[in-house]
Amino acid sequence: MSLQDDLTAVRRNLNELVRSVERLERDVARQASAAPGAPGDGAIVLVPDTPYDSSLWTDSDDEGLGSRDRRAP
């Protein structure tokens, strides 16, 4: 291949990359507008200060500490 052929191929690939990025930006913008208030669209997500209901953790094990009814090694 000559230098001119290489430059033509680089331009073609760069143009395709630009088109792909523009298409991706449009898709992301469309998804963000379809789900207003979704995280990632700039909306503030409020997390309450109230404690969680302890019944949520009734059957859970402490991660990394093993089961409650067994001793750690």
N, C-alpha and C. Protein backbone atom coordinates (compact mmCIF):
# COMPACT_ATOMS: atom_id res chain seq x y z
N MET A 1 0.83 -1.18 0.00
CA MET A 1 0.00 0.00 0.00
C MET A 1 0.88 1.24 0.00
N SER A 2 0.41 2.23 -0.66
CA SER A 2 1.13 3.49 -0.69
C SER A 2 0.71 4.34 0.51
N LEU A 3 1.44 5.39 0.74
CA LEU A 3 1.11 6.31 1.82
C LEU A 3 -0.27 6.92 1.61
N GLN A 4 -0.61 7.23 0.38
CA GLN A 4 -1.92 7.81 0.08
C GLN A 4 -3.04 6.83 0.41
N ASP A 5 -2.83 5.56 0.09
CA ASP A 5 -3.84 4.53 0.43
C ASP A 5 -4.01 4.41 1.94
N ASP A 6 -2.89 4.48 2.67
CA ASP A 6 -2.96 4.40 4.13
C ASP A 6 -3.72 5.60 4.70
N LEU A 7 -3.44 6.79 4.17
CA LEU A 7 -4.14 7.99 4.65
C LEU A 7 -5.63 7.91 4.34
N THR A 8 -5.98 7.41 3.19
CA THR A 8 -7.39 7.25 2.82
C THR A 8 -8.08 6.28 3.77
N ALA A 9 -7.41 5.18 4.10
CA ALA A 9 -7.99 4.20 5.02
C ALA A 9 -8.16 4.80 6.41
N VAL A 10 -7.18 5.59 6.86
CA VAL A 10 -7.27 6.23 8.18
C VAL A 10 -8.43 7.20 8.21
N ARG A 11 -8.59 8.00 7.15
CA ARG A 11 -9.71 8.96 7.09
C ARG A 11 -11.05 8.23 7.12
N ARG A 12 -11.14 7.15 6.37
CA ARG A 12 -12.38 6.38 6.32
C ARG A 12 -12.70 5.81 7.71
N ASN A 13 -11.70 5.25 8.37
CA ASN A 13 -11.92 4.69 9.71
C ASN A 13 -12.27 5.78 10.73
N LEU A 14 -11.62 6.93 10.61
CA LEU A 14 -11.91 8.04 11.51
C LEU A 14 -13.34 8.55 11.30
N ASN A 15 -13.77 8.65 10.06
CA ASN A 15 -15.14 9.07 9.77
C ASN A 15 -16.15 8.08 10.33
N GLU A 16 -15.86 6.81 10.20
CA GLU A 16 -16.75 5.79 10.75
C GLU A 16 -16.80 5.88 12.28
N LEU A 17 -15.66 6.15 12.90
CA LEU A 17 -15.61 6.32 14.36
C LEU A 17 -16.46 7.51 14.79
N VAL A 18 -16.35 8.62 14.07
CA VAL A 18 -17.13 9.81 14.40
C VAL A 18 -18.62 9.50 14.28
N ARG A 19 -19.02 8.81 13.22
CA ARG A 19 -20.43 8.44 13.05
C ARG A 19 -20.91 7.53 14.17
N SER A 20 -20.07 6.60 14.57
CA SER A 20 -20.45 5.68 15.65
C SER A 20 -20.61 6.42 16.97
N VAL A 21 -19.73 7.35 17.27
CA VAL A 21 -19.83 8.12 18.51
C VAL A 21 -21.08 8.99 18.48
N GLU A 22 -21.37 9.62 17.35
CA GLU A 22 -22.58 10.44 17.24
C GLU A 22 -23.83 9.60 17.44
N ARG A 23 -23.83 8.39 16.87
CA ARG A 23 -24.97 7.49 17.04
C ARG A 23 -25.13 7.08 18.50
N LEU A 24 -24.01 6.80 19.16
CA LEU A 24 -24.04 6.44 20.58
C LEU A 24 -24.55 7.59 21.43
N GLU A 25 -24.11 8.81 21.14
CA GLU A 25 -24.58 9.98 21.89
C GLU A 25 -26.08 10.16 21.72
N ARG A 26 -26.59 9.96 20.51
CA ARG A 26 -28.04 10.07 20.28
C ARG A 26 -28.79 9.00 21.06
N ASP A 27 -28.28 7.78 21.06
CA ASP A 27 -28.94 6.69 21.79
C ASP A 27 -28.98 6.98 23.28
N VAL A 28 -27.88 7.46 23.83
CA VAL A 28 -27.82 7.78 25.26
C VAL A 28 -28.79 8.91 25.60
N ALA A 29 -28.82 9.94 24.75
CA ALA A 29 -29.74 11.06 24.99
C ALA A 29 -31.19 10.59 24.91
N ARG A 30 -31.49 9.71 23.99
CA ARG A 30 -32.86 9.20 23.84
C ARG A 30 -33.26 8.38 25.06
N GLN A 31 -32.35 7.54 25.56
CA GLN A 31 -32.65 6.73 26.74
C GLN A 31 -32.83 7.61 27.97
N ALA A 32 -32.02 8.66 28.09
CA ALA A 32 -32.13 9.55 29.24
C ALA A 32 -33.45 10.31 29.21
N SER A 33 -33.90 10.69 28.03
CA SER A 33 -35.16 11.42 27.95
C SER A 33 -36.35 10.48 28.12
N ALA A 34 -36.17 9.20 27.84
CA ALA A 34 -37.26 8.24 28.00
C ALA A 34 -37.48 7.89 29.46
N ALA A 35 -36.46 8.09 30.29
CA ALA A 35 -36.57 7.73 31.71
C ALA A 35 -36.17 8.93 32.56
N PRO A 36 -37.00 9.97 32.60
CA PRO A 36 -36.63 11.13 33.43
C PRO A 36 -36.58 10.75 34.90
N GLY A 37 -35.63 11.31 35.59
CA GLY A 37 -35.46 11.02 37.00
C GLY A 37 -34.59 9.81 37.26
N ALA A 38 -34.17 9.13 36.19
CA ALA A 38 -33.30 7.97 36.36
C ALA A 38 -31.90 8.45 36.71
N PRO A 39 -31.17 7.71 37.55
CA PRO A 39 -29.80 8.11 37.88
C PRO A 39 -28.98 8.24 36.60
N GLY A 40 -28.13 9.23 36.57
CA GLY A 40 -27.30 9.44 35.41
C GLY A 40 -27.80 10.56 34.52
N ASP A 41 -29.02 11.05 34.76
CA ASP A 41 -29.52 12.13 33.94
C ASP A 41 -29.34 13.48 34.63
N GLY A 42 -28.58 13.51 35.71
CA GLY A 42 -28.34 14.75 36.42
C GLY A 42 -29.31 15.00 37.55
N ALA A 43 -30.30 14.13 37.70
CA ALA A 43 -31.29 14.31 38.77
C ALA A 43 -30.66 13.93 40.11
N ILE A 44 -31.06 14.62 41.14
CA ILE A 44 -30.58 14.33 42.48
C ILE A 44 -31.43 13.21 43.07
N VAL A 45 -30.75 12.19 43.59
CA VAL A 45 -31.43 11.07 44.21
C VAL A 45 -31.32 11.24 45.72
N LEU A 46 -32.45 11.37 46.39
CA LEU A 46 -32.46 11.55 47.84
C LEU A 46 -32.47 10.20 48.54
N VAL A 47 -31.58 10.04 49.49
CA VAL A 47 -31.51 8.82 50.30
C VAL A 47 -31.97 9.19 51.70
N PRO A 48 -33.01 8.54 52.21
CA PRO A 48 -33.52 8.93 53.53
C PRO A 48 -32.54 8.58 54.64
N ASP A 49 -32.62 9.36 55.72
CA ASP A 49 -31.76 9.13 56.88
C ASP A 49 -32.35 8.10 57.84
N THR A 50 -33.58 7.72 57.64
CA THR A 50 -34.23 6.78 58.54
C THR A 50 -33.61 5.40 58.38
N PRO A 51 -33.48 4.65 59.46
CA PRO A 51 -32.89 3.31 59.37
C PRO A 51 -33.81 2.36 58.61
N TYR A 52 -33.18 1.37 57.99
CA TYR A 52 -33.94 0.34 57.29
C TYR A 52 -34.68 -0.53 58.29
N ASP A 53 -35.74 -1.14 57.83
CA ASP A 53 -36.50 -2.08 58.64
C ASP A 53 -35.62 -3.30 58.93
N SER A 54 -35.43 -3.64 60.19
CA SER A 54 -34.54 -4.75 60.55
C SER A 54 -35.04 -6.10 60.04
N SER A 55 -36.32 -6.20 59.68
CA SER A 55 -36.82 -7.47 59.15
C SER A 55 -36.23 -7.78 57.78
N LEU A 56 -35.65 -6.79 57.13
CA LEU A 56 -35.00 -7.04 55.84
C LEU A 56 -33.80 -7.96 55.99
N TRP A 57 -33.19 -7.97 57.17
CA TRP A 57 -31.95 -8.71 57.38
C TRP A 57 -32.17 -9.99 58.19
N THR A 58 -33.39 -10.42 58.37
CA THR A 58 -33.70 -11.57 59.22
C THR A 58 -32.93 -12.82 58.84
N ASP A 59 -32.94 -13.21 57.58
CA ASP A 59 -32.31 -14.47 57.16
C ASP A 59 -30.95 -14.27 56.51
N SER A 60 -30.34 -13.15 56.71
CA SER A 60 -29.06 -12.89 56.04
C SER A 60 -27.89 -13.30 56.93
N ASP A 61 -26.80 -13.61 56.28
CA ASP A 61 -25.56 -13.91 56.99
C ASP A 61 -24.67 -12.67 56.90
N ASP A 62 -23.79 -12.50 57.85
CA ASP A 62 -22.82 -11.42 57.77
C ASP A 62 -21.77 -11.81 56.75
N GLU A 63 -21.69 -11.04 55.69
CA GLU A 63 -20.75 -11.38 54.62
C GLU A 63 -19.32 -11.36 55.15
N GLY A 64 -18.60 -12.40 54.82
CA GLY A 64 -17.21 -12.48 55.23
C GLY A 64 -17.01 -13.03 56.61
N LEU A 65 -18.08 -13.17 57.39
CA LEU A 65 -17.95 -13.67 58.76
C LEU A 65 -18.50 -15.07 58.92
N GLY A 66 -19.13 -15.60 57.89
CA GLY A 66 -19.68 -16.94 57.96
C GLY A 66 -21.09 -16.93 58.51
N SER A 67 -21.63 -18.11 58.65
CA SER A 67 -23.00 -18.24 59.14
C SER A 67 -23.05 -18.00 60.64
N ARG A 68 -24.21 -17.59 61.10
CA ARG A 68 -24.37 -17.29 62.53
C ARG A 68 -24.32 -18.53 63.41
N ASP A 69 -24.74 -19.67 62.85
CA ASP A 69 -24.78 -20.88 63.67
C ASP A 69 -23.50 -21.71 63.59
N ARG A 70 -22.50 -21.21 62.90
CA ARG A 70 -21.22 -21.93 62.80
C ARG A 70 -20.08 -21.02 63.27
N ARG A 71 -19.00 -21.66 63.69
CA ARG A 71 -17.85 -20.89 64.13
C ARG A 71 -16.93 -20.62 62.96
N ALA A 72 -16.26 -19.50 63.00
CA ALA A 72 -15.28 -19.17 61.97
C ALA A 72 -14.08 -20.09 62.12
N PRO A 73 -13.41 -20.43 61.04
CA PRO A 73 -12.25 -21.33 61.12
C PRO A 73 -11.08 -20.72 61.86
